[in-house]
């Protein structure tokens, strides 16, 4: 059984995909740090780089975006990328790869319509593509391509054939489409309505692109709560639970258009215990920031992330086994495989990953671990590529990086040790304080709350987060007094509940 749990606050929305009681994917969106993947911009080329076959494009963000030549003319490569992101649709026979040079296609000052494929990361600007995609509930429109793909997760060949024939018959000439898993069994008239909706949306985007100045935002993708409904609320998800009435109503309105049959599976959570605590999610989020993860047997894994790669080390720890060393090592490695696959998905770790399993003497044992890892990663939405285990017990693999990892999203470089470690970010600490106050302040008779925090947290609370702080005071009916304390560690804070209103 799978559920979508949404914790929606003015300052942060968190979406958890829970399978059989375990959180397997976590998505976080903060208005102050909202990403731009999926947004469409009218941009201007500012520089062409022949040596890299790429160009810098000004789209109105703080850093110029990066556009590769393959993201302009190589439709096959782009289609394969999209299929990898959207439930691994079937592969088609490849067309010839373009031999165009970037100088033949772009020049400084040229206006281009682009879509963000990857958010800015570190010092890198966003990666953009000229191949626009417009996802719907059951279909994805690709107005610049002519391919049709059907999700591999739709296994029935007759159903695949039916869906392909419907799209072939209804699509406007020259448009490309991906049929998503959610389309399985859907009636033709619903697919026709969605095709009509997405085609009209594309026409409106083109109209805006003609009339808006350059650079400017032409189309903004849905917020995280509606994207979760569109992309995650598929057949395997039985229920969606959200703790905010405004977001609940917004989701119902969205479903009236795209998935009215799922409306009855949406519940508004009204319990006193915060929703992530009630569903046992909050503890797992904290665990996902830890380097050391204990296994049930007594072994453990260490996860270390660097700029170039992620290293995962498996250790027997307290587990000593019952028979021989090979059996002990194999059991620990197989247990670690499940936890590693789980953590990669939960933490959204991408790029190059090196796993150092405990050395095993037998080739048979190494093959069991390799096979188990491939099997454990089958549920992962991101593409993975795994090489066979070396004699030293190392497995090299890559995992598609579509967005920031949970670690990068919730943490920032540690200034206490000059960047050799990581701290929770100031904003993460602010929101932890907000959640704690929402959880316990209503049960207190106190009129005022004295909050003592590190100076940097105090500055953020009193400036950028002042609106959320005022809303919290109003909602609690209590005055919150903030004191800056240099003696506190950045992640520390102190709360005192007072019987008098300190404002008077």
Protein backbone atom coordinates (compact mmCIF):
# COMPACT_ATOMS: atom_id res chain seq x y z
CA UNK A 1 0.00 0.00 0.00
CA UNK A 2 1.30 3.45 -0.92
CA UNK A 3 0.20 6.87 0.35
CA UNK A 4 1.07 10.49 -0.39
CA UNK A 5 1.40 12.60 2.74
CA UNK A 6 1.54 16.39 2.28
CA UNK A 7 2.60 18.78 5.05
CA UNK A 8 1.76 22.26 3.71
CA UNK A 9 2.85 25.39 5.58
CA UNK A 10 3.20 28.96 4.24
CA UNK A 11 6.99 28.72 4.49
CA UNK A 12 7.53 25.13 3.30
CA UNK A 13 5.63 22.27 1.67
CA UNK A 14 6.84 18.70 2.17
CA UNK A 15 5.52 15.72 0.19
CA UNK A 16 6.32 12.18 1.29
CA UNK A 17 5.64 9.05 -0.74
CA UNK A 18 5.09 6.26 1.78
CA UNK A 19 5.13 2.58 0.78
CA UNK A 20 4.08 -0.07 3.31
CA UNK A 21 4.66 2.37 6.15
CA UNK A 22 8.14 3.47 4.99
CA UNK A 23 8.92 6.85 3.44
CA UNK A 24 10.68 6.18 0.13
CA UNK A 25 10.67 9.61 -1.55
CA UNK A 26 10.63 13.10 -0.07
CA UNK A 27 10.04 16.35 -1.96
CA UNK A 28 10.47 19.76 -0.36
CA UNK A 29 9.59 23.15 -1.79
CA UNK A 30 10.18 26.50 -0.10
CA UNK A 31 8.76 29.70 -1.63
CA UNK A 32 12.00 31.47 -0.67
CA UNK A 33 14.06 28.87 -2.56
CA UNK A 34 11.61 27.53 -5.14
CA UNK A 35 13.26 25.78 -8.07
CA UNK A 36 12.54 26.51 -11.70
CA UNK A 37 12.58 23.07 -13.40
CA UNK A 38 9.73 22.92 -15.89
CA UNK A 39 9.45 26.71 -16.21
CA UNK A 40 9.56 28.13 -19.72
CA UNK A 41 11.48 31.35 -20.41
CA UNK A 42 11.97 33.71 -23.31
CA UNK A 43 15.74 34.15 -23.19
CA UNK A 44 18.56 35.89 -25.01
CA UNK A 45 21.85 34.27 -26.04
CA UNK A 46 24.69 36.23 -24.41
CA UNK A 47 27.65 34.06 -25.37
CA UNK A 48 28.38 31.13 -27.67
CA UNK A 49 31.13 28.67 -26.68
CA UNK A 50 32.31 26.68 -29.75
CA UNK A 51 34.84 24.70 -27.69
CA UNK A 52 32.09 23.34 -25.42
CA UNK A 53 29.38 23.31 -28.10
CA UNK A 54 27.13 25.26 -25.75
CA UNK A 55 25.81 28.76 -25.11
CA UNK A 56 25.01 30.98 -22.14
CA UNK A 57 21.42 32.24 -22.16
CA UNK A 58 20.04 35.10 -20.07
CA UNK A 59 16.59 34.08 -18.79
CA UNK A 60 16.19 36.51 -15.90
CA UNK A 61 17.71 34.41 -13.09
CA UNK A 62 20.74 35.43 -11.00
CA UNK A 63 23.03 33.27 -13.18
CA UNK A 64 22.90 32.73 -16.92
CA UNK A 65 21.55 29.38 -18.05
CA UNK A 66 23.50 26.77 -20.03
CA UNK A 67 22.23 25.42 -23.36
CA UNK A 68 24.06 22.50 -25.03
CA UNK A 69 23.91 21.94 -28.77
CA UNK A 70 22.31 18.51 -28.14
CA UNK A 71 19.46 20.28 -26.31
CA UNK A 72 18.70 22.23 -29.48
CA UNK A 73 18.81 19.71 -32.30
CA UNK A 74 19.32 16.14 -31.00
CA UNK A 75 15.73 14.96 -30.65
CA UNK A 76 16.61 11.31 -30.00
CA UNK A 77 18.85 12.09 -27.03
CA UNK A 78 16.29 14.49 -25.58
CA UNK A 79 13.47 11.98 -26.05
CA UNK A 80 15.48 9.29 -24.24
CA UNK A 81 16.14 11.74 -21.38
CA UNK A 82 12.45 12.49 -21.07
CA UNK A 83 11.52 8.84 -21.16
CA UNK A 84 14.00 8.19 -18.36
CA UNK A 85 12.37 10.90 -16.25
CA UNK A 86 8.83 9.87 -17.07
CA UNK A 87 8.53 6.24 -16.07
CA UNK A 88 10.97 4.83 -18.65
CA UNK A 89 8.80 4.82 -21.75
CA UNK A 90 9.74 2.42 -24.53
CA UNK A 91 12.79 3.14 -26.66
CA UNK A 92 12.33 3.92 -30.32
CA UNK A 93 14.69 3.33 -33.20
CA UNK A 94 17.17 6.22 -32.99
CA UNK A 95 17.36 8.87 -35.64
CA UNK A 96 20.74 10.09 -36.80
CA UNK A 97 22.51 12.30 -34.26
CA UNK A 98 22.80 15.88 -35.43
CA UNK A 99 26.17 17.10 -36.63
CA UNK A 100 25.30 20.80 -36.32
CA UNK A 101 27.73 23.11 -34.58
CA UNK A 102 26.50 25.56 -31.96
CA UNK A 103 27.75 28.47 -34.12
CA UNK A 104 25.39 27.35 -36.93
CA UNK A 105 22.37 27.47 -34.63
CA UNK A 106 22.87 30.38 -32.23
CA UNK A 107 24.41 33.84 -32.22
CA UNK A 108 24.79 36.43 -29.43
CA UNK A 109 21.65 38.55 -29.05
CA UNK A 110 19.36 35.88 -30.52
CA UNK A 111 16.05 35.29 -28.69
CA UNK A 112 15.18 31.68 -27.82
CA UNK A 113 12.31 29.90 -26.05
CA UNK A 114 13.76 27.44 -23.53
CA UNK A 115 12.63 25.24 -20.66
CA UNK A 116 14.63 24.55 -17.50
CA UNK A 117 15.74 20.90 -17.36
CA UNK A 118 17.94 21.19 -14.23
CA UNK A 119 17.91 23.74 -11.44
CA UNK A 120 21.02 25.85 -10.74
CA UNK A 121 23.37 23.77 -8.60
CA UNK A 122 26.23 25.29 -6.62
CA UNK A 123 27.97 27.81 -8.86
CA UNK A 124 26.42 26.37 -12.02
CA UNK A 125 23.50 28.07 -13.74
CA UNK A 126 20.35 26.22 -14.78
CA UNK A 127 20.53 23.80 -17.69
CA UNK A 128 17.92 24.57 -20.33
CA UNK A 129 16.59 22.86 -23.44
CA UNK A 130 14.76 24.11 -26.51
CA UNK A 131 12.69 20.89 -26.54
CA UNK A 132 9.61 21.98 -24.59
CA UNK A 133 7.58 19.40 -22.63
CA UNK A 134 4.14 19.94 -21.06
CA UNK A 135 3.17 17.13 -18.65
CA UNK A 136 -0.45 16.28 -18.00
CA UNK A 137 -2.00 13.64 -15.79
CA UNK A 138 -1.92 10.85 -18.40
CA UNK A 139 0.20 12.30 -21.21
CA UNK A 140 3.22 14.49 -21.86
CA UNK A 141 3.12 16.80 -24.89
CA UNK A 142 6.41 17.40 -26.75
CA UNK A 143 5.47 20.02 -29.37
CA UNK A 144 8.94 20.10 -30.97
CA UNK A 145 9.25 16.32 -31.53
CA UNK A 146 7.31 13.77 -33.51
CA UNK A 147 7.93 10.63 -31.42
CA UNK A 148 5.36 8.62 -29.45
CA UNK A 149 6.40 6.55 -26.43
CA UNK A 150 4.41 4.36 -24.04
CA UNK A 151 5.48 3.72 -20.46
CA UNK A 152 7.20 0.36 -20.00
CA UNK A 153 5.24 -0.07 -16.78
CA UNK A 154 2.18 -0.70 -18.93
CA UNK A 155 2.99 -4.34 -19.63
CA UNK A 156 -0.16 -5.52 -21.43
CA UNK A 157 0.66 -5.45 -25.16
CA UNK A 158 -2.97 -5.01 -26.21
CA UNK A 159 -3.29 -1.99 -23.93
CA UNK A 160 -0.05 -0.52 -25.25
CA UNK A 161 -1.32 -0.95 -28.80
CA UNK A 162 -4.69 0.63 -27.92
CA UNK A 163 -3.06 3.69 -26.35
CA UNK A 164 -0.61 4.17 -29.21
CA UNK A 165 -3.42 3.99 -31.78
CA UNK A 166 -5.48 6.55 -29.85
CA UNK A 167 -2.58 9.02 -29.72
CA UNK A 168 -1.72 8.47 -33.40
CA UNK A 169 -5.32 9.21 -34.32
CA UNK A 170 -5.86 12.25 -32.09
CA UNK A 171 -2.52 14.06 -32.01
CA UNK A 172 -1.94 17.19 -34.11
CA UNK A 173 0.54 16.52 -36.93
CA UNK A 174 4.20 16.82 -35.94
CA UNK A 175 3.64 16.70 -32.17
CA UNK A 176 5.26 14.11 -29.91
CA UNK A 177 3.69 12.40 -26.90
CA UNK A 178 4.63 10.19 -23.97
CA UNK A 179 1.85 8.00 -22.60
CA UNK A 180 2.28 7.82 -18.82
CA UNK A 181 1.55 4.83 -16.60
CA UNK A 182 -1.55 6.58 -15.23
CA UNK A 183 -3.11 6.31 -18.72
CA UNK A 184 -3.54 2.54 -18.46
CA UNK A 185 -7.22 1.70 -18.87
CA UNK A 186 -8.27 5.33 -19.36
CA UNK A 187 -11.12 5.96 -21.79
CA UNK A 188 -10.41 7.59 -25.17
CA UNK A 189 -12.56 10.66 -24.45
CA UNK A 190 -10.49 11.50 -21.34
CA UNK A 191 -7.26 11.22 -23.31
CA UNK A 192 -8.81 13.37 -26.06
CA UNK A 193 -9.74 16.05 -23.51
CA UNK A 194 -6.21 16.07 -22.13
CA UNK A 195 -4.69 16.32 -25.60
CA UNK A 196 -6.98 19.28 -26.30
CA UNK A 197 -6.02 20.94 -22.99
CA UNK A 198 -2.26 20.55 -23.53
CA UNK A 199 -2.41 21.72 -27.16
CA UNK A 200 -4.34 24.85 -26.09
CA UNK A 201 -1.77 25.43 -23.34
CA UNK A 202 1.05 25.25 -25.89
CA UNK A 203 -0.74 27.75 -28.15
CA UNK A 204 -1.09 30.13 -25.19
CA UNK A 205 2.62 29.76 -24.36
CA UNK A 206 3.55 30.61 -27.95
CA UNK A 207 1.25 33.65 -27.84
CA UNK A 208 2.90 34.88 -24.63
CA UNK A 209 6.35 34.33 -26.10
CA UNK A 210 5.47 36.62 -29.00
CA UNK A 211 4.17 39.45 -26.78
CA UNK A 212 6.41 39.33 -23.67
CA UNK A 213 9.74 41.19 -23.40
CA UNK A 214 13.07 39.36 -23.29
CA UNK A 215 14.13 37.91 -20.90
CA UNK A 216 10.93 36.92 -19.09
CA UNK A 217 9.10 33.97 -17.53
CA UNK A 218 6.52 32.67 -20.00
CA UNK A 219 5.11 29.67 -18.11
CA UNK A 220 5.56 28.52 -14.51
CA UNK A 221 5.20 24.86 -13.63
CA UNK A 222 2.74 23.70 -10.96
CA UNK A 223 3.67 23.97 -7.30
CA UNK A 224 4.90 20.87 -5.44
CA UNK A 225 1.47 19.79 -4.11
CA UNK A 226 -0.15 19.74 -7.57
CA UNK A 227 2.94 18.18 -9.19
CA UNK A 228 2.65 15.39 -6.62
CA UNK A 229 -0.95 14.80 -7.67
CA UNK A 230 -0.02 14.90 -11.36
CA UNK A 231 3.16 12.80 -11.21
CA UNK A 232 2.91 10.54 -8.14
CA UNK A 233 -0.78 9.89 -7.51
CA UNK A 234 -0.81 6.84 -9.80
CA UNK A 235 -2.48 3.47 -9.52
CA UNK A 236 -0.14 2.17 -6.82
CA UNK A 237 -0.99 5.11 -4.51
CA UNK A 238 -4.21 4.41 -2.63
CA UNK A 239 -4.60 7.65 -0.68
CA UNK A 240 -3.45 11.27 -0.45
CA UNK A 241 -3.55 13.02 2.93
CA UNK A 242 -2.92 16.76 3.32
CA UNK A 243 -2.98 18.88 6.48
CA UNK A 244 -3.90 22.26 4.96
CA UNK A 245 -7.52 23.02 4.01
CA UNK A 246 -6.60 25.59 1.35
CA UNK A 247 -4.22 23.16 -0.36
CA UNK A 248 -6.80 20.36 0.08
CA UNK A 249 -9.42 22.38 -1.85
CA UNK A 250 -6.86 23.33 -4.51
CA UNK A 251 -6.03 19.63 -5.02
CA UNK A 252 -9.72 18.74 -5.32
CA UNK A 253 -10.24 21.45 -7.96
CA UNK A 254 -7.21 20.17 -9.88
CA UNK A 255 -8.56 16.61 -9.73
CA UNK A 256 -11.95 17.70 -11.06
CA UNK A 257 -10.11 18.48 -14.31
CA UNK A 258 -7.52 15.72 -14.52
CA UNK A 259 -8.56 12.79 -12.31
CA UNK A 260 -12.13 13.07 -10.94
CA UNK A 261 -12.18 9.33 -10.16
CA UNK A 262 -9.43 9.86 -7.55
CA UNK A 263 -11.23 12.68 -5.72
CA UNK A 264 -12.63 10.31 -3.10
CA UNK A 265 -9.10 9.16 -2.21
CA UNK A 266 -8.04 12.61 -0.94
CA UNK A 267 -8.36 13.23 2.81
CA UNK A 268 -7.92 16.37 4.91
CA UNK A 269 -5.87 15.62 8.04
CA UNK A 270 -7.23 17.43 11.10
CA UNK A 271 -5.42 15.64 13.95
CA UNK A 272 -3.68 17.53 16.75
CA UNK A 273 -0.38 15.69 16.26
CA UNK A 274 1.55 17.15 13.29
CA UNK A 275 0.95 15.02 10.19
CA UNK A 276 4.59 13.98 9.64
CA UNK A 277 4.83 12.83 13.26
CA UNK A 278 1.49 11.01 13.09
CA UNK A 279 2.70 9.01 10.08
CA UNK A 280 6.20 8.41 11.51
CA UNK A 281 7.90 10.48 8.83
CA UNK A 282 9.65 13.19 10.85
CA UNK A 283 12.07 10.72 12.44
CA UNK A 284 12.98 9.25 9.03
CA UNK A 285 13.74 12.72 7.68
CA UNK A 286 16.20 13.30 10.54
CA UNK A 287 17.71 9.86 9.93
CA UNK A 288 18.20 10.74 6.26
CA UNK A 289 20.71 13.45 7.23
CA UNK A 290 22.87 11.10 9.27
CA UNK A 291 26.13 9.72 7.83
CA UNK A 292 25.88 6.50 9.81
CA UNK A 293 22.90 4.18 9.28
CA UNK A 294 22.55 1.12 11.51
CA UNK A 295 21.29 -2.16 10.06
CA UNK A 296 18.99 -4.50 11.99
CA UNK A 297 21.70 -7.17 12.22
CA UNK A 298 24.08 -4.80 14.02
CA UNK A 299 26.09 -3.83 10.94
CA UNK A 300 26.03 -0.31 9.53
CA UNK A 301 26.70 1.78 6.43
CA UNK A 302 28.49 5.13 6.16
CA UNK A 303 27.40 7.60 3.46
CA UNK A 304 29.91 10.31 2.51
CA UNK A 305 29.10 12.81 -0.24
CA UNK A 306 31.77 14.87 -1.99
CA UNK A 307 31.53 17.23 -4.95
CA UNK A 308 32.69 14.50 -7.34
CA UNK A 309 30.96 11.38 -6.01
CA UNK A 310 29.17 9.64 -3.14
CA UNK A 311 31.04 6.90 -1.27
CA UNK A 312 29.12 4.26 0.72
CA UNK A 313 31.02 1.96 3.08
CA UNK A 314 29.50 -1.25 4.50
CA UNK A 315 30.69 -2.60 7.89
CA UNK A 316 29.78 -5.62 10.02
CA UNK A 317 29.76 -3.50 13.20
CA UNK A 318 28.37 -5.48 16.14
CA UNK A 319 27.23 -8.39 13.97
CA UNK A 320 29.46 -11.47 14.45
CA UNK A 321 27.31 -14.15 12.78
CA UNK A 322 26.64 -17.71 13.84
CA UNK A 323 28.62 -19.97 11.48
CA UNK A 324 31.45 -18.85 9.24
CA UNK A 325 32.88 -15.49 8.13
CA UNK A 326 31.66 -15.74 4.52
CA UNK A 327 28.07 -16.27 5.64
CA UNK A 328 28.29 -13.35 8.09
CA UNK A 329 29.72 -11.03 5.44
CA UNK A 330 27.18 -12.08 2.80
CA UNK A 331 24.24 -11.55 5.15
CA UNK A 332 25.50 -8.09 6.12
CA UNK A 333 26.09 -7.10 2.49
CA UNK A 334 22.63 -8.29 1.42
CA UNK A 335 21.01 -6.37 4.26
CA UNK A 336 23.07 -3.31 3.31
CA UNK A 337 21.86 -3.57 -0.31
CA UNK A 338 18.23 -2.95 0.72
CA UNK A 339 19.18 -0.01 2.94
CA UNK A 340 21.44 1.53 0.27
CA UNK A 341 18.72 1.37 -2.40
CA UNK A 342 16.28 2.90 0.10
CA UNK A 343 18.66 5.71 1.12
CA UNK A 344 19.64 6.58 -2.47
CA UNK A 345 15.99 7.08 -3.32
CA UNK A 346 15.04 8.88 -0.09
CA UNK A 347 18.06 11.21 -0.10
CA UNK A 348 17.89 11.61 -3.89
CA UNK A 349 21.61 10.99 -4.28
CA UNK A 350 22.70 11.35 -7.91
CA UNK A 351 25.85 11.20 -10.02
CA UNK A 352 28.70 8.74 -9.48
CA UNK A 353 28.30 6.38 -6.51
CA UNK A 354 30.97 3.98 -5.20
CA UNK A 355 29.84 1.24 -2.81
CA UNK A 356 32.51 -0.54 -0.78
CA UNK A 357 30.98 -3.83 0.32
CA UNK A 358 32.72 -6.09 2.81
CA UNK A 359 35.18 -8.37 0.96
CA UNK A 360 33.78 -11.77 -0.03
CA UNK A 361 35.92 -14.69 -1.13
CA UNK A 362 33.39 -16.49 -3.33
CA UNK A 363 32.38 -15.28 -6.77
CA UNK A 364 28.93 -16.75 -6.06
CA UNK A 365 28.52 -14.41 -3.06
CA UNK A 366 29.60 -11.35 -5.06
CA UNK A 367 27.09 -12.25 -7.79
CA UNK A 368 24.28 -12.55 -5.20
CA UNK A 369 24.99 -9.05 -3.89
CA UNK A 370 25.18 -7.54 -7.39
CA UNK A 371 21.89 -9.19 -8.43
CA UNK A 372 20.20 -8.10 -5.19
CA UNK A 373 21.27 -4.48 -5.77
CA UNK A 374 19.89 -4.46 -9.33
CA UNK A 375 16.61 -5.90 -8.05
CA UNK A 376 16.37 -3.41 -5.16
CA UNK A 377 16.80 -0.45 -7.55
CA UNK A 378 13.98 -1.47 -9.88
CA UNK A 379 11.44 0.69 -8.03
CA UNK A 380 13.65 3.76 -8.36
CA UNK A 381 12.19 6.42 -10.67
CA UNK A 382 15.66 7.73 -11.53
CA UNK A 383 17.74 5.84 -14.11
CA UNK A 384 20.62 3.82 -12.68
CA UNK A 385 23.58 2.11 -14.35
CA UNK A 386 25.44 -0.51 -12.29
CA UNK A 387 28.78 -2.15 -13.05
CA UNK A 388 29.62 -5.61 -11.72
CA UNK A 389 31.41 -5.95 -8.41
CA UNK A 390 35.21 -5.96 -8.52
CA UNK A 391 37.32 -8.51 -6.64
CA UNK A 392 37.89 -5.82 -4.02
CA UNK A 393 34.18 -5.69 -3.27
CA UNK A 394 33.58 -2.34 -5.01
CA UNK A 395 30.51 -1.56 -7.10
CA UNK A 396 30.49 1.53 -9.28
CA UNK A 397 27.14 2.92 -10.33
CA UNK A 398 25.50 6.11 -11.52
CA UNK A 399 22.09 7.48 -10.63
CA UNK A 400 20.29 10.13 -12.64
CA UNK A 401 20.48 13.53 -10.95
CA UNK A 402 17.20 15.39 -11.54
CA UNK A 403 17.18 17.74 -8.54
CA UNK A 404 19.11 18.66 -5.42
CA UNK A 405 19.77 15.91 -2.91
CA UNK A 406 18.00 16.08 0.43
CA UNK A 407 21.38 16.77 2.03
CA UNK A 408 22.07 19.79 -0.19
CA UNK A 409 18.52 21.06 0.25
CA UNK A 410 18.43 20.92 4.05
CA UNK A 411 22.08 21.66 4.90
CA UNK A 412 24.77 24.26 4.21
CA UNK A 413 28.58 24.33 4.64
CA UNK A 414 29.70 24.43 8.27
CA UNK A 415 31.39 27.74 9.12
CA UNK A 416 32.63 26.38 12.44
CA UNK A 417 35.04 24.06 10.63
CA UNK A 418 35.47 26.23 7.51
CA UNK A 419 33.45 24.05 5.19
CA UNK A 420 34.89 20.61 5.99
CA UNK A 421 31.54 19.57 7.48
CA UNK A 422 27.86 20.43 7.04
CA UNK A 423 25.25 22.17 9.17
CA UNK A 424 21.51 22.42 8.92
CA UNK A 425 20.83 25.65 7.04
CA UNK A 426 19.51 28.69 8.90
CA UNK A 427 16.19 28.42 7.07
CA UNK A 428 15.84 24.75 7.98
CA UNK A 429 16.36 25.68 11.66
CA UNK A 430 13.77 28.49 11.40
CA UNK A 431 11.19 26.06 10.03
CA UNK A 432 12.01 23.45 12.70
CA UNK A 433 11.31 26.15 15.32
CA UNK A 434 8.03 27.07 13.59
CA UNK A 435 6.91 23.42 13.59
CA UNK A 436 7.83 22.94 17.25
CA UNK A 437 5.87 26.05 18.23
CA UNK A 438 2.85 24.91 16.20
CA UNK A 439 3.09 21.50 17.88
CA UNK A 440 3.32 22.55 21.54
CA UNK A 441 2.53 26.27 21.98
CA UNK A 442 -1.24 25.90 21.69
CA UNK A 443 -1.24 23.58 24.70
CA UNK A 444 0.53 26.19 26.86
CA UNK A 445 -1.35 28.83 28.85
CA UNK A 446 1.55 31.30 28.48
CA UNK A 447 0.93 34.68 26.85
CA UNK A 448 4.43 35.11 25.47
CA UNK A 449 7.20 32.90 24.12
CA UNK A 450 10.84 33.80 24.59
CA UNK A 451 12.97 32.34 21.80
CA UNK A 452 16.75 32.48 22.12
CA UNK A 453 18.68 31.67 18.93
CA UNK A 454 22.04 32.12 17.24
CA UNK A 455 22.49 35.66 15.76
CA UNK A 456 22.34 34.43 12.15
CA UNK A 457 19.07 32.61 12.79
CA UNK A 458 17.69 35.67 14.59
CA UNK A 459 18.52 37.86 11.60
CA UNK A 460 16.69 35.53 9.21
CA UNK A 461 13.65 35.29 11.50
CA UNK A 462 13.37 39.06 11.91
CA UNK A 463 13.86 39.88 8.23
CA UNK A 464 13.13 37.35 5.48
CA UNK A 465 10.92 35.17 7.72
CA UNK A 466 9.17 38.09 9.49
CA UNK A 467 5.89 37.58 7.60
CA UNK A 468 5.73 33.89 8.57
CA UNK A 469 6.67 34.78 12.15
CA UNK A 470 3.84 37.33 12.40
CA UNK A 471 1.37 34.82 10.94
CA UNK A 472 2.52 32.26 13.51
CA UNK A 473 2.03 34.75 16.37
CA UNK A 474 -1.47 35.51 15.14
CA UNK A 475 -2.33 31.84 14.76
CA UNK A 476 -1.05 30.94 18.24
CA UNK A 477 -2.43 34.07 19.90
CA UNK A 478 0.93 34.58 21.60
CA UNK A 479 3.75 37.11 21.35
CA UNK A 480 7.12 35.69 20.26
CA UNK A 481 10.18 37.56 21.57
CA UNK A 482 13.45 36.75 19.82
CA UNK A 483 16.81 37.15 21.53
CA UNK A 484 20.11 36.84 19.70
CA UNK A 485 22.65 34.72 21.62
CA UNK A 486 26.21 34.33 20.22
CA UNK A 487 26.88 31.63 22.82
CA UNK A 488 24.49 29.23 21.10
CA UNK A 489 25.58 26.86 18.33
CA UNK A 490 23.84 27.66 15.03
CA UNK A 491 21.58 24.59 15.36
CA UNK A 492 20.71 25.25 19.02
CA UNK A 493 17.79 27.29 20.33
CA UNK A 494 15.97 27.74 23.65
CA UNK A 495 12.25 28.24 24.30
CA UNK A 496 10.66 29.73 27.42
CA UNK A 497 6.92 30.16 27.91
CA UNK A 498 6.04 33.27 29.93
CA UNK A 499 2.87 34.16 31.84
CA UNK A 500 3.01 37.84 30.86
CA UNK A 501 2.78 39.54 27.47
CA UNK A 502 6.24 41.04 27.01
CA UNK A 503 4.94 43.61 24.51
CA UNK A 504 3.20 45.55 27.27
